Amino acid sequence: MSPLNRKGSILIKPILVALITSTLIVFYIFSTSRLILLHPQQTWIHNLDSSPKLRDFVVDHHNKPKQDEDTHLLLANTSTALPLPEPFPINNVHDHHHLPKPKLQLGSSREKKVEMKKEIFHDMDVFDEEYKEMNRSLKIYVYPHKKNDPFANILLAIDDEPSGNYASESYFKKSLFKSHFITTDPKEADLFYLPFSITNMRNDKRVGIGGIQDFVKEYIVEISEKYPYWNRSGGADHFYVACHSIGRSAMEKAIHVKLNAIQVVCSSSYFLSGYLPHKDASIPQIWPRKGPSPTNAPSRRKKLAFFAGAMNSRVRENLVKTWSNDSEIMVHRGRMKTPYSEALLDSKYCIHAKGFEINTARIGDALYYGCVPVILSDHYDLPYADILNWESFSIIVSSLDIPKLKIILQAIEYHHYVKLQNNVMQVKKHFQWNSFSKDFDIFHMTMYELWIRRSHLRHMIY
């Protein structure tokens, strides 16, 4: 071999080694950077080795039982009277809008406190922009019925002021019929309203509880034969409103309504079959009250917590059994001898405990009287959960933690309670019905929930 060739071969070897080394370095950098990008929370956890309290809390959060993963609003369990830690962001990227980002405050105290921004809206700017667009462009077509229809009382809006525990159903219909969202041209409609009233069917002797399923089935057959709109989408762009819990079983003989149509219901338990969050929507159950709501300053509320109601669930029985003899948590079986309103005004926290159904009017009662709701109903798809950050104005506790309830509430520092109560005063307008609907009341917030679902439907149907 000539000296030139030997020199060339000598030069090739280090060049090849350099190329291989460079390739390996680039591959290593790319791999580790992807690892950090794909698992930022895990990397962050490993950096907490010097803070065992925080590290333990984060690990516990990510290893919570599945029930807590599904119920992301539940508070982290606590067994000591310490300031409640807030949950860290969860791994599921689809749930990021439900939880605010944490702000760590690492002080000199032995117990590390985790503070979170308590914004009422998940994203106020997005809500404000889309609310305006909804108010401007959303169109609803109502299947028409005449006043002399034999079942006009079930299909048409009532003129009287709705009342009672299931008034939300009638209030919605009355508000919709008077609103600018109604269109007489089905071609421009975003959604189609099925105007039957579950509550009125229940109270009509011609139908009754036993005849509701047949009535709904026959009604769907009628409109699908008379109009093309149901068959066009399989009912996916149709919706109905029901506040009485019997509405959940009303679709058993019209299974395509149950699976496809949007259910706007008070009884919004995602534990039971028939309710699908994000397809269906939760509407608040409100006992209507007239006039401005009474107020009482946080400093004048002397009792820690209050509950009164019938013993129609294990949750309520456990609550009363645990706290019936306590001097700070007032719990009562059935009706009280003193006015219900006085207890709501005198308490810092008002307890919403599951009865026959997961929903009651107690959340609305608490907000009306400026009392911070404590929610003990597991698997409850809370009203406006896509819009409002419930952690900013309520305390949500697993029913399993009823024995820890006093510890949990006492651990909330006074300044944090005042912030919660101030937020209650801000959100209460979203939980009120009005004789003539107003911006941001229950009617408009429910319309916004429908607007969100309409956006998804347009991509699927058209």
Protein backbone atom coordinates (compact mmCIF):
# COMPACT_ATOMS: atom_id res chain seq x y z
CA MET A 1 0.00 0.00 0.00
CA SER A 2 1.32 3.42 -0.96
CA PRO A 3 2.06 6.00 1.75
CA LEU A 4 -0.81 8.09 0.38
CA ASN A 5 -3.28 5.26 0.79
CA ARG A 6 -1.97 4.47 4.27
CA LYS A 7 -2.36 8.15 5.23
CA GLY A 8 -5.95 8.15 3.87
CA SER A 9 -6.88 5.06 5.83
CA ILE A 10 -5.40 6.55 8.99
CA LEU A 11 -7.53 9.70 8.53
CA ILE A 12 -10.75 7.75 7.83
CA LYS A 13 -10.72 5.92 11.18
CA PRO A 14 -10.89 8.99 13.47
CA ILE A 15 -13.46 10.59 11.18
CA LEU A 16 -15.68 7.51 11.47
CA VAL A 17 -15.25 7.44 15.24
CA ALA A 18 -16.14 11.14 15.45
CA LEU A 19 -19.24 10.63 13.30
CA ILE A 20 -20.42 7.69 15.39
CA THR A 21 -19.77 9.57 18.63
CA SER A 22 -21.60 12.66 17.36
CA THR A 23 -24.55 10.52 16.28
CA LEU A 24 -24.75 8.89 19.70
CA ILE A 25 -24.59 12.27 21.45
CA VAL A 26 -27.36 13.70 19.27
CA PHE A 27 -29.49 10.58 19.85
CA TYR A 28 -28.95 10.83 23.63
CA ILE A 29 -29.90 14.53 23.73
CA PHE A 30 -33.01 13.90 21.63
CA SER A 31 -34.10 10.95 23.77
CA THR A 32 -33.68 12.69 27.11
CA SER A 33 -35.33 15.88 25.90
CA ARG A 34 -38.36 13.88 24.76
CA LEU A 35 -38.47 12.17 28.13
CA ILE A 36 -38.57 15.51 29.90
CA LEU A 37 -41.21 16.89 27.55
CA LEU A 38 -43.41 13.82 27.77
CA HIS A 39 -43.14 13.41 31.56
CA PRO A 40 -42.53 16.86 33.05
CA GLN A 41 -44.41 16.07 36.27
CA GLN A 42 -42.40 12.89 36.94
CA THR A 43 -39.14 14.78 36.41
CA TRP A 44 -40.41 17.51 38.76
CA ILE A 45 -41.27 14.91 41.40
CA HIS A 46 -37.73 13.48 41.30
CA ASN A 47 -36.40 16.97 42.06
CA LEU A 48 -38.32 17.06 45.32
CA ASP A 49 -36.02 14.66 47.12
CA SER A 50 -34.96 17.42 49.49
CA SER A 51 -38.62 18.10 50.40
CA PRO A 52 -40.02 14.80 51.68
CA LYS A 53 -43.38 16.28 52.72
CA LEU A 54 -44.03 17.65 49.26
CA ARG A 55 -42.67 14.52 47.59
CA ASP A 56 -44.96 12.28 49.62
CA PHE A 57 -47.98 14.44 48.86
CA VAL A 58 -47.34 14.41 45.12
CA VAL A 59 -46.82 10.65 45.04
CA ASP A 60 -49.97 10.12 47.10
CA HIS A 61 -51.92 12.33 44.71
CA HIS A 62 -50.87 10.37 41.64
CA ASN A 63 -51.56 7.04 43.35
CA LYS A 64 -55.05 7.96 44.56
CA PRO A 65 -57.85 5.41 44.05
CA LYS A 66 -59.59 5.52 40.69
CA GLN A 67 -62.70 7.06 42.27
CA ASP A 68 -60.69 10.17 43.07
CA GLU A 69 -59.25 10.27 39.55
CA ASP A 70 -62.76 10.22 38.13
CA THR A 71 -63.95 12.79 40.69
CA HIS A 72 -61.19 15.34 40.17
CA LEU A 73 -62.91 17.93 42.36
CA LEU A 74 -62.60 15.87 45.55
CA LEU A 75 -60.34 17.39 48.18
CA ALA A 76 -57.20 15.55 49.13
CA ASN A 77 -57.71 13.50 52.27
CA THR A 78 -56.23 14.83 55.48
CA SER A 79 -55.95 13.34 58.92
CA THR A 80 -54.42 16.24 60.81
CA ALA A 81 -55.65 19.74 61.50
CA LEU A 82 -53.29 21.37 59.02
CA PRO A 83 -54.02 23.80 56.15
CA LEU A 84 -55.51 21.71 53.36
CA PRO A 85 -53.12 20.98 50.49
CA GLU A 86 -54.62 21.58 47.08
CA PRO A 87 -54.33 18.92 44.35
CA PHE A 88 -51.47 19.18 41.89
CA PRO A 89 -52.09 19.09 38.13
CA ILE A 90 -53.15 15.66 36.94
CA ASN A 91 -51.54 13.64 34.18
CA ASN A 92 -54.62 13.51 31.94
CA VAL A 93 -54.12 16.37 29.51
CA HIS A 94 -57.86 16.48 28.80
CA ASP A 95 -58.57 17.54 32.39
CA HIS A 96 -56.08 20.41 32.55
CA HIS A 97 -58.79 23.08 32.30
CA HIS A 98 -60.50 21.85 35.46
CA LEU A 99 -57.59 22.50 37.81
CA PRO A 100 -55.61 25.72 38.30
CA LYS A 101 -51.86 25.61 38.29
CA PRO A 102 -50.26 25.43 41.75
CA LYS A 103 -48.03 28.10 43.19
CA LEU A 104 -45.48 26.65 45.59
CA GLN A 105 -44.58 28.69 48.63
CA LEU A 106 -41.65 26.98 50.31
CA GLY A 107 -41.15 28.74 53.62
CA SER A 108 -39.26 27.84 56.74
CA SER A 109 -42.22 26.03 58.33
CA ARG A 110 -41.97 22.28 58.65
CA GLU A 111 -45.24 21.79 56.79
CA LYS A 112 -45.02 22.99 53.20
CA LYS A 113 -48.10 24.94 52.09
CA VAL A 114 -49.42 24.76 48.56
CA GLU A 115 -51.44 27.79 47.47
CA MET A 116 -53.56 27.87 44.31
CA LYS A 117 -55.12 30.71 42.41
CA LYS A 118 -58.83 30.57 43.06
CA GLU A 119 -60.28 31.94 39.86
CA ILE A 120 -64.06 31.52 39.54
CA PHE A 121 -63.92 30.74 35.81
CA HIS A 122 -61.61 28.17 34.28
CA ASP A 123 -60.88 30.72 31.55
CA MET A 124 -62.77 33.99 31.83
CA ASP A 125 -61.48 35.37 28.52
CA VAL A 126 -62.64 32.32 26.54
CA PHE A 127 -65.98 32.29 28.32
CA ASP A 128 -66.57 36.01 27.71
CA GLU A 129 -65.76 35.75 24.02
CA GLU A 130 -67.83 32.62 23.37
CA TYR A 131 -70.73 33.82 25.54
CA LYS A 132 -71.09 36.89 23.33
CA GLU A 133 -71.01 34.72 20.20
CA MET A 134 -73.56 32.34 21.72
CA ASN A 135 -75.87 35.21 22.61
CA ARG A 136 -75.58 36.53 19.07
CA SER A 137 -75.89 33.42 16.94
CA LEU A 138 -77.29 30.36 18.76
CA LYS A 139 -80.61 29.26 17.27
CA ILE A 140 -83.03 26.69 18.69
CA TYR A 141 -85.95 25.15 16.84
CA VAL A 142 -88.87 24.01 19.01
CA TYR A 143 -91.21 21.41 17.57
CA PRO A 144 -94.51 23.32 17.24
CA HIS A 145 -97.74 22.40 19.02
CA LYS A 146 -101.08 24.16 19.15
CA LYS A 147 -102.75 25.45 22.28
CA ASN A 148 -105.71 23.14 21.68
CA ASP A 149 -103.43 20.07 21.58
CA PRO A 150 -104.80 17.49 24.06
CA PHE A 151 -101.38 17.45 25.77
CA ALA A 152 -100.68 21.18 25.54
CA ASN A 153 -99.97 21.20 29.29
CA ILE A 154 -97.05 18.81 28.66
CA LEU A 155 -95.73 20.32 25.43
CA LEU A 156 -96.22 24.08 25.84
CA ALA A 157 -94.82 26.55 28.35
CA ILE A 158 -96.99 27.52 31.31
CA ASP A 159 -97.91 31.15 31.92
CA ASP A 160 -97.80 30.87 35.71
CA GLU A 161 -94.64 31.49 37.71
CA PRO A 162 -92.98 28.07 38.27
CA SER A 163 -92.64 26.90 41.86
CA GLY A 164 -91.57 23.88 43.88
CA ASN A 165 -88.54 21.64 43.98
CA TYR A 166 -88.52 20.92 40.22
CA ALA A 167 -89.14 24.45 38.98
CA SER A 168 -85.97 24.52 36.89
CA GLU A 169 -87.61 22.41 34.18
CA SER A 170 -90.57 24.79 33.76
CA TYR A 171 -88.46 27.92 34.16
CA PHE A 172 -86.18 26.84 31.33
CA LYS A 173 -89.07 26.23 28.95
CA LYS A 174 -90.75 29.51 29.85
CA SER A 175 -87.50 31.44 29.39
CA LEU A 176 -86.68 29.74 26.08
CA PHE A 177 -90.10 30.47 24.56
CA LYS A 178 -89.62 34.18 25.36
CA SER A 179 -86.00 34.36 24.22
CA HIS A 180 -84.29 35.54 21.05
CA PHE A 181 -82.73 32.08 20.63
CA ILE A 182 -85.93 30.67 19.10
CA THR A 183 -86.05 30.29 15.33
CA THR A 184 -89.03 29.33 13.18
CA ASP A 185 -86.72 28.20 10.39
CA PRO A 186 -85.35 24.73 11.20
CA LYS A 187 -82.72 25.13 8.46
CA GLU A 188 -80.86 27.72 10.52
CA ALA A 189 -81.24 25.83 13.82
CA ASP A 190 -78.18 24.65 15.72
CA LEU A 191 -80.24 22.48 18.07
CA PHE A 192 -83.77 21.09 18.30
CA TYR A 193 -85.73 21.23 21.57
CA LEU A 194 -87.98 18.33 22.61
CA PRO A 195 -90.53 20.31 24.64
CA PHE A 196 -92.17 17.55 26.69
CA SER A 197 -92.23 18.12 30.45
CA ILE A 198 -91.34 15.11 32.61
CA THR A 199 -92.81 16.75 35.72
CA ASN A 200 -96.12 17.55 34.00
CA MET A 201 -96.35 14.02 32.59
CA ARG A 202 -95.80 12.65 36.09
CA ASN A 203 -98.64 14.80 37.44
CA ASP A 204 -101.04 14.17 34.52
CA LYS A 205 -103.39 11.26 35.32
CA ARG A 206 -103.63 10.40 31.62
CA VAL A 207 -99.90 9.62 31.61
CA GLY A 208 -98.59 9.20 35.15
CA ILE A 209 -95.31 7.63 36.18
CA GLY A 210 -96.12 4.34 34.44
CA GLY A 211 -96.92 5.98 31.08
CA ILE A 212 -93.97 8.37 30.68
CA GLN A 213 -91.78 5.93 28.75
CA ASP A 214 -94.54 5.15 26.23
CA PHE A 215 -95.36 8.84 25.80
CA VAL A 216 -91.73 9.69 24.98
CA LYS A 217 -91.43 6.75 22.58
CA GLU A 218 -94.59 7.73 20.69
CA TYR A 219 -93.55 11.38 20.61
CA ILE A 220 -90.20 10.57 18.98
CA VAL A 221 -91.92 8.31 16.41
CA GLU A 222 -94.33 11.15 15.60
CA ILE A 223 -91.71 13.85 15.02
CA SER A 224 -89.40 11.48 13.11
CA GLU A 225 -92.23 10.66 10.68
CA LYS A 226 -93.45 14.24 10.36
CA TYR A 227 -90.06 16.03 10.18
CA PRO A 228 -86.66 15.02 8.70
CA TYR A 229 -84.48 16.51 11.43
CA TRP A 230 -84.43 13.65 13.92
CA ASN A 231 -83.44 11.05 11.33
CA ARG A 232 -80.76 13.33 9.87
CA SER A 233 -78.69 13.20 13.04
CA GLY A 234 -80.17 10.25 14.90
CA GLY A 235 -81.28 12.80 17.50
CA ALA A 236 -77.75 13.94 18.35
CA ASP A 237 -78.62 17.62 17.79
CA HIS A 238 -81.80 17.35 19.91
CA PHE A 239 -82.14 18.01 23.63
CA TYR A 240 -84.67 17.88 26.43
CA VAL A 241 -84.72 19.28 29.99
CA ALA A 242 -85.77 17.32 33.07
CA CYS A 243 -85.35 18.14 36.72
CA HIS A 244 -87.36 15.35 38.35
CA SER A 245 -85.23 12.24 38.84
CA ILE A 246 -87.79 10.09 37.00
CA GLY A 247 -86.54 11.74 33.82
CA ARG A 248 -83.51 9.49 33.95
CA SER A 249 -85.65 6.41 33.26
CA ALA A 250 -88.08 8.16 30.90
CA MET A 251 -86.06 7.16 27.82
CA GLU A 252 -85.89 3.42 28.44
CA LYS A 253 -88.28 2.66 25.54
CA ALA A 254 -86.62 5.24 23.30
CA ILE A 255 -83.03 4.13 23.74
CA HIS A 256 -81.80 6.29 20.83
CA VAL A 257 -82.93 9.36 22.79
CA LYS A 258 -80.99 8.17 25.83
CA LEU A 259 -77.83 7.47 23.85
CA ASN A 260 -77.87 10.31 21.31
CA ALA A 261 -79.89 13.30 22.49
CA ILE A 262 -78.48 15.84 24.93
CA GLN A 263 -80.01 15.41 28.38
CA VAL A 264 -80.11 18.62 30.43
CA VAL A 265 -80.95 17.25 33.84
CA CYS A 266 -80.72 18.02 37.54
CA SER A 267 -79.99 14.38 38.40
CA SER A 268 -76.55 14.32 36.80
CA SER A 269 -74.80 11.34 38.34
CA TYR A 270 -72.05 9.93 36.14
CA PHE A 271 -71.88 6.83 38.36
CA LEU A 272 -75.22 5.58 37.01
CA SER A 273 -75.84 4.55 33.42
CA GLY A 274 -77.73 6.94 31.21
CA TYR A 275 -75.83 10.16 31.95
CA LEU A 276 -72.74 10.96 29.90
CA PRO A 277 -70.72 14.03 30.94
CA HIS A 278 -69.74 16.27 28.02
CA LYS A 279 -72.62 14.91 25.94
CA ASP A 280 -75.23 15.68 28.59
CA ALA A 281 -75.39 18.74 30.85
CA SER A 282 -76.20 19.44 34.47
CA ILE A 283 -78.74 22.12 35.37
CA PRO A 284 -79.02 23.45 38.95
CA GLN A 285 -82.01 22.36 41.02
CA ILE A 286 -83.32 25.60 42.49
CA TRP A 287 -86.16 26.37 44.85
CA PRO A 288 -87.42 29.73 43.50
CA ARG A 289 -87.36 32.68 45.88
CA LYS A 290 -88.55 36.20 45.23
CA GLY A 291 -86.75 39.45 45.91
CA PRO A 292 -83.12 40.19 46.76
CA SER A 293 -81.36 37.56 48.84
CA PRO A 294 -80.55 38.41 52.48
CA THR A 295 -76.88 38.73 53.42
CA ASN A 296 -74.76 38.20 56.49
CA ALA A 297 -71.08 39.09 56.81
CA PRO A 298 -68.55 36.25 57.23
CA SER A 299 -67.58 37.53 60.69
CA ARG A 300 -71.19 37.28 61.89
CA ARG A 301 -71.63 33.64 60.93
CA LYS A 302 -71.15 31.85 64.25
CA LYS A 303 -71.77 28.19 63.38
CA LEU A 304 -69.18 26.17 61.52
CA ALA A 305 -71.56 24.07 59.38
CA PHE A 306 -75.25 23.21 58.98
CA PHE A 307 -77.46 20.50 57.52
CA ALA A 308 -81.16 19.62 57.83
CA GLY A 309 -83.11 17.10 55.80
CA ALA A 310 -84.91 13.78 55.58
CA MET A 311 -82.94 10.62 56.33
CA ASN A 312 -83.34 9.12 52.85
CA SER A 313 -79.77 7.98 52.17
CA ARG A 314 -76.84 6.33 53.91
CA VAL A 315 -74.79 9.48 53.42
CA ARG A 316 -77.28 11.55 55.40
CA GLU A 317 -77.68 8.89 58.06
CA ASN A 318 -73.91 8.70 58.49
CA LEU A 319 -73.65 12.50 58.61
CA VAL A 320 -76.28 12.86 61.35
CA LYS A 321 -75.01 9.87 63.32
CA THR A 322 -71.46 11.27 63.31
CA TRP A 323 -72.20 14.91 64.12
CA SER A 324 -75.59 15.02 65.89
CA ASN A 325 -74.04 15.87 69.27
CA ASP A 326 -71.47 18.38 68.04
CA SER A 327 -71.65 22.02 69.13
CA GLU A 328 -70.15 23.50 65.94
CA ILE A 329 -71.62 21.32 63.19
CA MET A 330 -75.42 21.51 63.34
CA VAL A 331 -77.21 18.56 61.77
CA HIS A 332 -80.96 17.91 62.00
CA ARG A 333 -83.27 15.08 61.03
CA GLY A 334 -86.21 16.35 59.01
CA ARG A 335 -87.75 19.78 59.44
CA MET A 336 -86.50 22.30 61.96
CA LYS A 337 -88.60 24.19 64.49
CA THR A 338 -86.65 27.38 63.78
CA PRO A 339 -86.56 28.99 60.31
CA TYR A 340 -84.35 27.21 57.79
CA SER A 341 -83.13 30.56 56.46
CA GLU A 342 -81.76 31.63 59.86
CA ALA A 343 -79.54 28.56 60.05
CA LEU A 344 -78.24 29.18 56.51
CA LEU A 345 -77.44 32.79 57.36
CA ASP A 346 -75.77 31.90 60.66
CA SER A 347 -73.43 29.22 59.24
CA LYS A 348 -70.09 29.51 57.48
CA TYR A 349 -70.58 26.26 55.57
CA CYS A 350 -73.82 24.60 54.46
CA ILE A 351 -73.75 20.88 53.73
CA HIS A 352 -75.20 19.34 50.59
CA ALA A 353 -75.57 15.61 51.27
CA LYS A 354 -76.99 13.11 48.78
CA GLY A 355 -80.59 12.07 49.38
CA PHE A 356 -82.67 9.76 47.16
CA GLU A 357 -80.81 11.44 44.32
CA ILE A 358 -77.37 12.95 44.04
CA ASN A 359 -78.88 16.40 43.54
CA THR A 360 -80.97 18.53 45.88
CA ALA A 361 -81.84 22.21 46.03
CA ARG A 362 -79.43 22.70 48.96
CA ILE A 363 -76.54 24.02 46.85
CA GLY A 364 -78.86 26.69 45.47
CA ASP A 365 -80.13 27.40 49.02
CA ALA A 366 -76.59 27.82 50.33
CA LEU A 367 -75.56 30.19 47.54
CA TYR A 368 -78.75 32.24 47.89
CA TYR A 369 -78.00 32.89 51.56
CA GLY A 370 -74.26 33.45 51.05
CA CYS A 371 -73.20 30.20 52.72
CA VAL A 372 -70.22 28.26 51.32
CA PRO A 373 -71.50 24.87 50.07
CA VAL A 374 -69.88 21.67 51.34
CA ILE A 375 -70.70 18.95 48.82
CA LEU A 376 -70.84 15.32 49.99
CA SER A 377 -72.38 13.87 46.81
CA ASP A 378 -69.85 11.63 45.10
CA HIS A 379 -70.03 11.19 41.31
CA TYR A 380 -71.98 14.44 40.92
CA ASP A 381 -71.41 16.20 37.60
CA LEU A 382 -71.76 19.66 39.09
CA PRO A 383 -73.63 22.34 37.09
CA TYR A 384 -71.42 24.41 34.78
CA ALA A 385 -68.38 22.23 35.58
CA ASP A 386 -66.98 23.13 32.14
CA ILE A 387 -67.24 26.82 32.98
CA LEU A 388 -66.85 27.42 36.72
CA ASN A 389 -64.07 26.37 39.05
CA TRP A 390 -66.10 24.92 41.92
CA GLU A 391 -63.03 24.86 44.16
CA SER A 392 -63.14 28.66 44.20
CA PHE A 393 -66.50 28.86 46.01
CA SER A 394 -67.22 25.46 47.57
CA ILE A 395 -65.64 22.60 49.51
CA ILE A 396 -66.00 19.18 47.92
CA VAL A 397 -65.41 16.20 50.17
CA SER A 398 -65.78 12.48 49.62
CA SER A 399 -68.63 10.97 51.62
CA LEU A 400 -66.04 8.57 53.06
CA ASP A 401 -64.49 11.55 54.84
CA ILE A 402 -67.58 12.48 56.87
CA PRO A 403 -65.73 11.56 60.11
CA LYS A 404 -62.99 14.05 59.12
CA LEU A 405 -65.41 16.83 58.19
CA LYS A 406 -64.70 19.03 61.19
CA ILE A 407 -60.95 18.67 60.78
CA ILE A 408 -61.22 19.57 57.11
CA LEU A 409 -63.34 22.68 57.72
CA GLN A 410 -61.33 23.90 60.72
CA ALA A 411 -58.14 23.53 58.70
CA ILE A 412 -59.34 26.21 56.28
CA GLU A 413 -57.81 29.49 57.39
CA TYR A 414 -60.15 32.41 57.93
CA HIS A 415 -58.76 34.53 55.07
CA HIS A 416 -59.33 31.60 52.72
CA TYR A 417 -62.89 31.16 53.98
CA VAL A 418 -63.54 34.87 53.36
CA LYS A 419 -62.32 34.45 49.77
CA LEU A 420 -64.62 31.47 49.29
CA GLN A 421 -67.58 33.42 50.70
CA ASN A 422 -66.82 36.44 48.52
CA ASN A 423 -66.78 34.15 45.49
CA VAL A 424 -70.13 32.70 46.57
CA MET A 425 -71.57 36.21 46.42
CA GLN A 426 -70.20 36.57 42.88
CA VAL A 427 -71.45 33.25 41.48
CA LYS A 428 -74.93 33.26 43.03
CA LYS A 429 -76.37 35.11 40.02
CA HIS A 430 -75.55 32.04 37.90
CA PHE A 431 -77.87 29.98 40.14
CA GLN A 432 -80.98 32.17 39.99
CA TRP A 433 -84.08 32.08 37.82
CA ASN A 434 -85.69 35.35 36.79
CA SER A 435 -89.23 36.07 35.57
CA PHE A 436 -87.52 37.78 32.65
CA SER A 437 -84.17 36.15 32.03
CA LYS A 438 -81.02 38.18 32.58
CA ASP A 439 -77.50 37.77 31.31
CA PHE A 440 -75.52 35.08 33.17
CA ASP A 441 -78.53 33.66 35.06
CA ILE A 442 -79.37 29.94 35.02
CA PHE A 443 -81.11 30.15 31.66
CA HIS A 444 -78.21 31.82 29.89
CA MET A 445 -75.59 29.62 31.56
CA THR A 446 -77.52 26.53 30.46
CA MET A 447 -77.74 27.93 26.93
CA TYR A 448 -73.98 28.34 27.00
CA GLU A 449 -73.61 24.68 28.02
CA LEU A 450 -75.73 23.78 24.99
CA TRP A 451 -73.62 26.08 22.85
CA ILE A 452 -70.48 24.16 23.84
CA ARG A 453 -72.10 20.87 22.87
CA ARG A 454 -73.47 22.32 19.63
CA SER A 455 -69.88 23.14 18.57
CA HIS A 456 -68.89 19.46 18.83
CA LEU A 457 -72.06 18.27 17.09
CA ARG A 458 -71.53 20.40 13.99
CA HIS A 459 -68.27 18.57 13.28
CA MET A 460 -69.89 15.17 13.71
CA ILE A 461 -73.13 15.71 11.78
CA TYR A 462 -72.36 18.07 8.92
